[in-house]
Amino acid sequence: AVKDDDGIDTNNVSIEKVVGGTIDNSELVEGVIVDKE
């Protein structure tokens, strides 16, 4: 998804850690999650 003509910058893959649930509940959101309200 983040690959483009300039190459691949894995910094564009943001990782949000959530305590609760199981590893199987992990998911990919095609977009951005901002840790704010």
PDB file of all heavy atoms in Angstrom:
ATOM      1  N   ALA A   1       0.826  -1.215   0.000  1.00  0.00           N
ATOM      2  CA  ALA A   1       0.000   0.000   0.000  1.00  0.00           C
ATOM      3  C   ALA A   1       0.859   1.264   0.000  1.00  0.00           C
ATOM      4  O   ALA A   1       0.535   2.244  -0.676  1.00  0.00           O
ATOM      5  CB  ALA A   1      -0.938   0.007   1.205  1.00  0.00           C
ATOM      6  N   VAL A   2       1.970   1.246   0.756  1.00  0.00           N
ATOM      7  CA  VAL A   2       2.784   2.472   0.870  1.00  0.00           C
ATOM      8  C   VAL A   2       3.865   2.569  -0.196  1.00  0.00           C
ATOM      9  O   VAL A   2       4.590   3.559  -0.274  1.00  0.00           O
ATOM     10  CB  VAL A   2       3.438   2.591   2.278  1.00  0.00           C
ATOM     11  CG1 VAL A   2       2.374   2.635   3.348  1.00  0.00           C
ATOM     12  CG2 VAL A   2       4.431   1.465   2.539  1.00  0.00           C
ATOM     13  N   LYS A   3       3.973   1.550  -1.034  1.00  0.00           N
ATOM     14  CA  LYS A   3       4.977   1.574  -2.109  1.00  0.00           C
ATOM     15  C   LYS A   3       4.588   2.625  -3.145  1.00  0.00           C
ATOM     16  O   LYS A   3       3.442   2.715  -3.551  1.00  0.00           O
ATOM     17  CB  LYS A   3       5.039   0.187  -2.766  1.00  0.00           C
ATOM     18  CG  LYS A   3       6.087   0.045  -3.845  1.00  0.00           C
ATOM     19  CD  LYS A   3       6.073  -1.391  -4.400  1.00  0.00           C
ATOM     20  CE  LYS A   3       7.188  -1.626  -5.399  1.00  0.00           C
ATOM     21  NZ  LYS A   3       7.050  -0.834  -6.612  1.00  0.00           N
ATOM     22  N   ASP A   4       5.571   3.450  -3.543  1.00  0.00           N
ATOM     23  CA  ASP A   4       5.308   4.416  -4.605  1.00  0.00           C
ATOM     24  C   ASP A   4       6.535   4.551  -5.502  1.00  0.00           C
ATOM     25  O   ASP A   4       7.503   3.792  -5.361  1.00  0.00           O
ATOM     26  CB  ASP A   4       4.878   5.775  -4.029  1.00  0.00           C
ATOM     27  CG  ASP A   4       5.921   6.373  -3.094  1.00  0.00           C
ATOM     28  OD1 ASP A   4       7.100   5.980  -3.194  1.00  0.00           O
ATOM     29  OD2 ASP A   4       5.575   7.236  -2.268  1.00  0.00           O
ATOM     30  N   ASP A   5       6.527   5.526  -6.394  1.00  0.00           N
ATOM     31  CA  ASP A   5       7.626   5.687  -7.354  1.00  0.00           C
ATOM     32  C   ASP A   5       8.950   6.020  -6.674  1.00  0.00           C
ATOM     33  O   ASP A   5      10.017   5.763  -7.232  1.00  0.00           O
ATOM     34  CB  ASP A   5       7.287   6.792  -8.367  1.00  0.00           C
ATOM     35  CG  ASP A   5       6.057   6.434  -9.192  1.00  0.00           C
ATOM     36  OD1 ASP A   5       5.763   5.222  -9.271  1.00  0.00           O
ATOM     37  OD2 ASP A   5       5.396   7.336  -9.729  1.00  0.00           O
ATOM     38  N   ASP A   6       8.892   6.605  -5.483  1.00  0.00           N
ATOM     39  CA  ASP A   6      10.120   6.966  -4.765  1.00  0.00           C
ATOM     40  C   ASP A   6      10.693   5.797  -3.973  1.00  0.00           C
ATOM     41  O   ASP A   6      11.736   5.930  -3.334  1.00  0.00           O
ATOM     42  CB  ASP A   6       9.848   8.132  -3.805  1.00  0.00           C
ATOM     43  CG  ASP A   6       9.392   9.373  -4.548  1.00  0.00           C
ATOM     44  OD1 ASP A   6       9.845   9.559  -5.693  1.00  0.00           O
ATOM     45  OD2 ASP A   6       8.577  10.130  -3.998  1.00  0.00           O
ATOM     46  N   GLY A   7      10.011   4.667  -3.959  1.00  0.00           N
ATOM     47  CA  GLY A   7      10.476   3.516  -3.180  1.00  0.00           C
ATOM     48  C   GLY A   7       9.479   3.162  -2.092  1.00  0.00           C
ATOM     49  O   GLY A   7       8.286   3.432  -2.214  1.00  0.00           O
ATOM     50  N   ILE A   8       9.997   2.570  -1.020  1.00  0.00           N
ATOM     51  CA  ILE A   8       9.134   2.130   0.083  1.00  0.00           C
ATOM     52  C   ILE A   8       9.687   2.696   1.386  1.00  0.00           C
ATOM     53  O   ILE A   8      10.815   2.389   1.775  1.00  0.00           O
ATOM     54  CB  ILE A   8       9.093   0.591   0.172  1.00  0.00           C
ATOM     55  CG1 ILE A   8       8.612  -0.011  -1.148  1.00  0.00           C
ATOM     56  CG2 ILE A   8       8.189   0.138   1.308  1.00  0.00           C
ATOM     57  CD1 ILE A   8       8.887  -1.493  -1.278  1.00  0.00           C
ATOM     58  N   ASP A   9       8.879   3.510   2.042  1.00  0.00           N
ATOM     59  CA  ASP A   9       9.247   4.032   3.352  1.00  0.00           C
ATOM     60  C   ASP A   9       8.300   3.418   4.373  1.00  0.00           C
ATOM     61  O   ASP A   9       7.130   3.781   4.440  1.00  0.00           O
ATOM     62  CB  ASP A   9       9.137   5.561   3.352  1.00  0.00           C
ATOM     63  CG  ASP A   9       9.605   6.172   4.675  1.00  0.00           C
ATOM     64  OD1 ASP A   9       9.950   5.388   5.584  1.00  0.00           O
ATOM     65  OD2 ASP A   9       9.615   7.412   4.797  1.00  0.00           O
ATOM     66  N   THR A  10       8.840   2.488   5.178  1.00  0.00           N
ATOM     67  CA  THR A  10       7.964   1.791   6.137  1.00  0.00           C
ATOM     68  C   THR A  10       7.518   2.715   7.274  1.00  0.00           C
ATOM     69  O   THR A  10       6.678   2.334   8.084  1.00  0.00           O
ATOM     70  CB  THR A  10       8.648   0.542   6.728  1.00  0.00           C
ATOM     71  OG1 THR A  10       9.958   0.888   7.178  1.00  0.00           O
ATOM     72  CG2 THR A  10       8.760  -0.562   5.690  1.00  0.00           C
ATOM     73  N   ASN A  11       8.062   3.945   7.341  1.00  0.00           N
ATOM     74  CA  ASN A  11       7.559   4.913   8.320  1.00  0.00           C
ATOM     75  C   ASN A  11       6.124   5.319   8.000  1.00  0.00           C
ATOM     76  O   ASN A  11       5.413   5.858   8.844  1.00  0.00           O
ATOM     77  CB  ASN A  11       8.441   6.169   8.340  1.00  0.00           C
ATOM     78  CG  ASN A  11       9.790   5.895   8.981  1.00  0.00           C
ATOM     79  OD1 ASN A  11       9.893   5.041   9.868  1.00  0.00           O
ATOM     80  ND2 ASN A  11      10.813   6.577   8.526  1.00  0.00           N
ATOM     81  N   ASN A  12       5.711   5.069   6.753  1.00  0.00           N
ATOM     82  CA  ASN A  12       4.332   5.370   6.365  1.00  0.00           C
ATOM     83  C   ASN A  12       3.355   4.288   6.834  1.00  0.00           C
ATOM     84  O   ASN A  12       2.159   4.409   6.635  1.00  0.00           O
ATOM     85  CB  ASN A  12       4.228   5.545   4.849  1.00  0.00           C
ATOM     86  CG  ASN A  12       4.914   6.813   4.385  1.00  0.00           C
ATOM     87  OD1 ASN A  12       4.787   7.854   5.011  1.00  0.00           O
ATOM     88  ND2 ASN A  12       5.676   6.724   3.304  1.00  0.00           N
ATOM     89  N   VAL A  13       3.915   3.216   7.406  1.00  0.00           N
ATOM     90  CA  VAL A  13       3.066   2.206   8.057  1.00  0.00           C
ATOM     91  C   VAL A  13       3.103   2.521   9.554  1.00  0.00           C
ATOM     92  O   VAL A  13       4.086   2.257  10.237  1.00  0.00           O
ATOM     93  CB  VAL A  13       3.570   0.775   7.801  1.00  0.00           C
ATOM     94  CG1 VAL A  13       2.650  -0.233   8.493  1.00  0.00           C
ATOM     95  CG2 VAL A  13       3.659   0.485   6.317  1.00  0.00           C
ATOM     96  N   SER A  14       2.042   3.127  10.038  1.00  0.00           N
ATOM     97  CA  SER A  14       1.972   3.490  11.455  1.00  0.00           C
ATOM     98  C   SER A  14       1.497   2.274  12.257  1.00  0.00           C
ATOM     99  O   SER A  14       0.658   1.504  11.782  1.00  0.00           O
ATOM    100  CB  SER A  14       0.999   4.653  11.619  1.00  0.00           C
ATOM    101  OG  SER A  14       0.839   4.973  12.967  1.00  0.00           O
ATOM    102  N   ILE A  15       2.063   2.097  13.448  1.00  0.00           N
ATOM    103  CA  ILE A  15       1.669   0.957  14.290  1.00  0.00           C
ATOM    104  C   ILE A  15       1.012   1.478  15.565  1.00  0.00           C
ATOM    105  O   ILE A  15       1.602   2.271  16.303  1.00  0.00           O
ATOM    106  CB  ILE A  15       2.894   0.076  14.629  1.00  0.00           C
ATOM    107  CG1 ILE A  15       3.454  -0.570  13.352  1.00  0.00           C
ATOM    108  CG2 ILE A  15       2.520  -0.994  15.650  1.00  0.00           C
ATOM    109  CD1 ILE A  15       4.728  -1.368  13.558  1.00  0.00           C
ATOM    110  N   GLU A  16      -0.230   1.057  15.776  1.00  0.00           N
ATOM    111  CA  GLU A  16      -0.963   1.424  16.993  1.00  0.00           C
ATOM    112  C   GLU A  16      -1.085   0.184  17.881  1.00  0.00           C
ATOM    113  O   GLU A  16      -1.616  -0.841  17.450  1.00  0.00           O
ATOM    114  CB  GLU A  16      -2.366   1.932  16.647  1.00  0.00           C
ATOM    115  CG  GLU A  16      -2.395   3.325  16.061  1.00  0.00           C
ATOM    116  CD  GLU A  16      -2.132   4.420  17.086  1.00  0.00           C
ATOM    117  OE1 GLU A  16      -2.485   4.228  18.267  1.00  0.00           O
ATOM    118  OE2 GLU A  16      -1.550   5.445  16.705  1.00  0.00           O
ATOM    119  N   LYS A  17      -0.573   0.274  19.105  1.00  0.00           N
ATOM    120  CA  LYS A  17      -0.635  -0.869  20.021  1.00  0.00           C
ATOM    121  C   LYS A  17      -1.839  -0.722  20.940  1.00  0.00           C
ATOM    122  O   LYS A  17      -2.033   0.344  21.529  1.00  0.00           O
ATOM    123  CB  LYS A  17       0.650  -0.955  20.848  1.00  0.00           C
ATOM    124  CG  LYS A  17       1.896  -1.168  20.013  1.00  0.00           C
ATOM    125  CD  LYS A  17       3.143  -1.284  20.864  1.00  0.00           C
ATOM    126  CE  LYS A  17       3.497   0.030  21.497  1.00  0.00           C
ATOM    127  NZ  LYS A  17       4.781  -0.013  22.233  1.00  0.00           N
ATOM    128  N   VAL A  18      -2.622  -1.789  21.038  1.00  0.00           N
ATOM    129  CA  VAL A  18      -3.810  -1.768  21.891  1.00  0.00           C
ATOM    130  C   VAL A  18      -3.780  -2.991  22.805  1.00  0.00           C
ATOM    131  O   VAL A  18      -3.757  -4.129  22.325  1.00  0.00           O
ATOM    132  CB  VAL A  18      -5.106  -1.784  21.042  1.00  0.00           C
ATOM    133  CG1 VAL A  18      -6.325  -1.787  21.950  1.00  0.00           C
ATOM    134  CG2 VAL A  18      -5.145  -0.597  20.092  1.00  0.00           C
ATOM    135  N   VAL A  19      -3.758  -2.748  24.116  1.00  0.00           N
ATOM    136  CA  VAL A  19      -3.788  -3.853  25.079  1.00  0.00           C
ATOM    137  C   VAL A  19      -5.243  -4.263  25.278  1.00  0.00           C
ATOM    138  O   VAL A  19      -6.083  -3.447  25.660  1.00  0.00           O
ATOM    139  CB  VAL A  19      -3.141  -3.443  26.415  1.00  0.00           C
ATOM    140  CG1 VAL A  19      -3.237  -4.580  27.423  1.00  0.00           C
ATOM    141  CG2 VAL A  19      -1.692  -3.040  26.199  1.00  0.00           C
ATOM    142  N   GLY A  20      -5.515  -5.513  25.011  1.00  0.00           N
ATOM    143  CA  GLY A  20      -6.893  -6.020  25.095  1.00  0.00           C
ATOM    144  C   GLY A  20      -7.198  -6.850  23.870  1.00  0.00           C
ATOM    145  O   GLY A  20      -6.721  -6.563  22.776  1.00  0.00           O
ATOM    146  N   GLY A  21      -7.965  -7.903  24.025  1.00  0.00           N
ATOM    147  CA  GLY A  21      -8.239  -8.792  22.901  1.00  0.00           C
ATOM    148  C   GLY A  21      -7.076  -9.753  22.701  1.00  0.00           C
ATOM    149  O   GLY A  21      -6.207  -9.903  23.562  1.00  0.00           O
ATOM    150  N   THR A  22      -7.041 -10.402  21.548  1.00  0.00           N
ATOM    151  CA  THR A  22      -5.973 -11.351  21.242  1.00  0.00           C
ATOM    152  C   THR A  22      -5.230 -10.884  20.002  1.00  0.00           C
ATOM    153  O   THR A  22      -5.675  -9.977  19.292  1.00  0.00           O
ATOM    154  CB  THR A  22      -6.542 -12.763  20.973  1.00  0.00           C
ATOM    155  OG1 THR A  22      -7.343 -12.707  19.774  1.00  0.00           O
ATOM    156  CG2 THR A  22      -7.387 -13.243  22.132  1.00  0.00           C
ATOM    157  N   ILE A  23      -4.094 -11.530  19.727  1.00  0.00           N
ATOM    158  CA  ILE A  23      -3.290 -11.167  18.545  1.00  0.00           C
ATOM    159  C   ILE A  23      -4.127 -11.315  17.270  1.00  0.00           C
ATOM    160  O   ILE A  23      -3.987 -10.536  16.327  1.00  0.00           O
ATOM    161  CB  ILE A  23      -2.016 -12.046  18.477  1.00  0.00           C
ATOM    162  CG1 ILE A  23      -1.137 -11.794  19.707  1.00  0.00           C
ATOM    163  CG2 ILE A  23      -1.224 -11.759  17.208  1.00  0.00           C
ATOM    164  CD1 ILE A  23       0.091 -12.676  19.814  1.00  0.00           C
ATOM    165  N   ASP A  24      -5.039 -12.292  17.266  1.00  0.00           N
ATOM    166  CA  ASP A  24      -5.881 -12.525  16.085  1.00  0.00           C
ATOM    167  C   ASP A  24      -6.822 -11.355  15.787  1.00  0.00           C
ATOM    168  O   ASP A  24      -7.369 -11.263  14.688  1.00  0.00           O
ATOM    169  CB  ASP A  24      -6.728 -13.798  16.273  1.00  0.00           C
ATOM    170  CG  ASP A  24      -5.862 -15.052  16.241  1.00  0.00           C
ATOM    171  OD1 ASP A  24      -4.954 -15.090  15.404  1.00  0.00           O
ATOM    172  OD2 ASP A  24      -6.086 -15.969  17.044  1.00  0.00           O
ATOM    173  N   ASN A  25      -7.019 -10.458  16.764  1.00  0.00           N
ATOM    174  CA  ASN A  25      -7.883  -9.287  16.546  1.00  0.00           C
ATOM    175  C   ASN A  25      -7.157  -8.137  15.852  1.00  0.00           C
ATOM    176  O   ASN A  25      -7.756  -7.108  15.566  1.00  0.00           O
ATOM    177  CB  ASN A  25      -8.448  -8.765  17.881  1.00  0.00           C
ATOM    178  CG  ASN A  25      -9.307  -9.792  18.593  1.00  0.00           C
ATOM    179  OD1 ASN A  25      -9.205  -9.978  19.789  1.00  0.00           O
ATOM    180  ND2 ASN A  25     -10.155 -10.490  17.843  1.00  0.00           N
ATOM    181  N   SER A  26      -5.864  -8.320  15.601  1.00  0.00           N
ATOM    182  CA  SER A  26      -5.094  -7.271  14.920  1.00  0.00           C
ATOM    183  C   SER A  26      -5.668  -7.040  13.528  1.00  0.00           C
ATOM    184  O   SER A  26      -6.181  -7.961  12.897  1.00  0.00           O
ATOM    185  CB  SER A  26      -3.619  -7.680  14.812  1.00  0.00           C
ATOM    186  OG  SER A  26      -3.082  -7.898  16.099  1.00  0.00           O
ATOM    187  N   GLU A  27      -5.587  -5.786  13.060  1.00  0.00           N
ATOM    188  CA  GLU A  27      -6.155  -5.468  11.743  1.00  0.00           C
ATOM    189  C   GLU A  27      -5.379  -4.344  11.063  1.00  0.00           C
ATOM    190  O   GLU A  27      -4.601  -3.633  11.707  1.00  0.00           O
ATOM    191  CB  GLU A  27      -7.629  -5.066  11.881  1.00  0.00           C
ATOM    192  CG  GLU A  27      -7.836  -3.836  12.775  1.00  0.00           C
ATOM    193  CD  GLU A  27      -9.301  -3.446  12.910  1.00  0.00           C
ATOM    194  OE1 GLU A  27      -9.959  -3.289  11.870  1.00  0.00           O
ATOM    195  OE2 GLU A  27      -9.764  -3.281  14.060  1.00  0.00           O
ATOM    196  N   LEU A  28      -5.594  -4.215   9.755  1.00  0.00           N
ATOM    197  CA  LEU A  28      -4.966  -3.153   8.980  1.00  0.00           C
ATOM    198  C   LEU A  28      -6.026  -2.132   8.587  1.00  0.00           C
ATOM    199  O   LEU A  28      -7.063  -2.491   8.029  1.00  0.00           O
ATOM    200  CB  LEU A  28      -4.308  -3.737   7.719  1.00  0.00           C
ATOM    201  CG  LEU A  28      -3.672  -2.720   6.773  1.00  0.00           C
ATOM    202  CD1 LEU A  28      -2.437  -2.094   7.403  1.00  0.00           C
ATOM    203  CD2 LEU A  28      -3.291  -3.374   5.448  1.00  0.00           C
ATOM    204  N   VAL A  29      -5.764  -0.878   8.905  1.00  0.00           N
ATOM    205  CA  VAL A  29      -6.672   0.196   8.516  1.00  0.00           C
ATOM    206  C   VAL A  29      -6.026   0.954   7.356  1.00  0.00           C
ATOM    207  O   VAL A  29      -4.910   1.474   7.497  1.00  0.00           O
ATOM    208  CB  VAL A  29      -6.925   1.168   9.698  1.00  0.00           C
ATOM    209  CG1 VAL A  29      -7.746   2.366   9.241  1.00  0.00           C
ATOM    210  CG2 VAL A  29      -7.622   0.444  10.833  1.00  0.00           C
ATOM    211  N   GLU A  30      -6.723   0.985   6.224  1.00  0.00           N
ATOM    212  CA  GLU A  30      -6.178   1.705   5.071  1.00  0.00           C
ATOM    213  C   GLU A  30      -6.477   3.184   5.258  1.00  0.00           C
ATOM    214  O   GLU A  30      -7.462   3.714   4.761  1.00  0.00           O
ATOM    215  CB  GLU A  30      -6.765   1.156   3.776  1.00  0.00           C
ATOM    216  CG  GLU A  30      -6.292  -0.258   3.496  1.00  0.00           C
ATOM    217  CD  GLU A  30      -6.428  -0.642   2.048  1.00  0.00           C
ATOM    218  OE1 GLU A  30      -6.857   0.209   1.261  1.00  0.00           O
ATOM    219  OE2 GLU A  30      -6.109  -1.788   1.721  1.00  0.00           O
ATOM    220  N   GLY A  31      -5.629   3.816   5.991  1.00  0.00           N
ATOM    221  CA  GLY A  31      -5.800   5.207   6.354  1.00  0.00           C
ATOM    222  C   GLY A  31      -4.980   5.495   7.595  1.00  0.00           C
ATOM    223  O   GLY A  31      -4.017   4.788   7.900  1.00  0.00           O
ATOM    224  N   VAL A  32      -5.379   6.526   8.348  1.00  0.00           N
ATOM    225  CA  VAL A  32      -4.584   6.965   9.495  1.00  0.00           C
ATOM    226  C   VAL A  32      -5.445   6.957  10.759  1.00  0.00           C
ATOM    227  O   VAL A  32      -6.621   7.313  10.714  1.00  0.00           O
ATOM    228  CB  VAL A  32      -4.037   8.393   9.239  1.00  0.00           C
ATOM    229  CG1 VAL A  32      -3.244   8.889  10.438  1.00  0.00           C
ATOM    230  CG2 VAL A  32      -3.174   8.415   7.994  1.00  0.00           C
ATOM    231  N   ILE A  33      -4.824   6.533  11.859  1.00  0.00           N
ATOM    232  CA  ILE A  33      -5.483   6.623  13.165  1.00  0.00           C
ATOM    233  C   ILE A  33      -4.735   7.675  13.983  1.00  0.00           C
ATOM    234  O   ILE A  33      -3.524   7.555  14.179  1.00  0.00           O
ATOM    235  CB  ILE A  33      -5.474   5.270  13.898  1.00  0.00           C
ATOM    236  CG1 ILE A  33      -6.233   4.228  13.081  1.00  0.00           C
ATOM    237  CG2 ILE A  33      -6.095   5.408  15.283  1.00  0.00           C
ATOM    238  CD1 ILE A  33      -6.138   2.834  13.632  1.00  0.00           C
ATOM    239  N   VAL A  34      -5.438   8.689  14.422  1.00  0.00           N
ATOM    240  CA  VAL A  34      -4.821   9.756  15.215  1.00  0.00           C
ATOM    241  C   VAL A  34      -5.224   9.547  16.669  1.00  0.00           C
ATOM    242  O   VAL A  34      -6.408   9.442  16.983  1.00  0.00           O
ATOM    243  CB  VAL A  34      -5.279  11.147  14.716  1.00  0.00           C
ATOM    244  CG1 VAL A  34      -4.610  12.248  15.532  1.00  0.00           C
ATOM    245  CG2 VAL A  34      -4.952  11.314  13.240  1.00  0.00           C
ATOM    246  N   ASP A  35      -4.225   9.474  17.530  1.00  0.00           N
ATOM    247  CA  ASP A  35      -4.475   9.190  18.945  1.00  0.00           C
ATOM    248  C   ASP A  35      -4.963  10.443  19.671  1.00  0.00           C
ATOM    249  O   ASP A  35      -4.315  10.973  20.579  1.00  0.00           O
ATOM    250  CB  ASP A  35      -3.196   8.655  19.588  1.00  0.00           C
ATOM    251  CG  ASP A  35      -3.464   8.035  20.955  1.00  0.00           C
ATOM    252  OD1 ASP A  35      -4.651   7.928  21.319  1.00  0.00           O
ATOM    253  OD2 ASP A  35      -2.501   7.673  21.653  1.00  0.00           O
ATOM    254  N   LYS A  36      -6.094  10.974  19.228  1.00  0.00           N
ATOM    255  CA  LYS A  36      -6.704  12.177  19.804  1.00  0.00           C
ATOM    256  C   LYS A  36      -8.220  12.002  19.817  1.00  0.00           C
ATOM    257  O   LYS A  36      -8.747  11.051  19.240  1.00  0.00           O
ATOM    258  CB  LYS A  36      -6.366  13.411  18.955  1.00  0.00           C
ATOM    259  CG  LYS A  36      -4.894  13.761  18.881  1.00  0.00           C
ATOM    260  CD  LYS A  36      -4.427  14.454  20.140  1.00  0.00           C
ATOM    261  CE  LYS A  36      -2.944  14.776  20.075  1.00  0.00           C
ATOM    262  NZ  LYS A  36      -2.455  15.337  21.332  1.00  0.00           N
ATOM    263  N   GLU A  37      -8.922  12.953  20.454  1.00  0.00           N
ATOM    264  CA  GLU A  37     -10.388  12.992  20.415  1.00  0.00           C
ATOM    265  C   GLU A  37     -10.828  14.318  19.784  1.00  0.00           C
ATOM    266  O   GLU A  37     -10.055  15.272  19.731  1.00  0.00           O
ATOM    267  CB  GLU A  37     -10.963  12.897  21.832  1.00  0.00           C
ATOM    268  CG  GLU A  37     -10.638  11.590  22.539  1.00  0.00           C
ATOM    269  CD  GLU A  37     -11.204  11.549  23.949  1.00  0.00           C
ATOM    270  OE1 GLU A  37     -12.325  12.069  24.146  1.00  0.00           O
ATOM    271  OE2 GLU A  37     -10.537  11.023  24.853  1.00  0.00           O
TER     272      GLU A  37
END
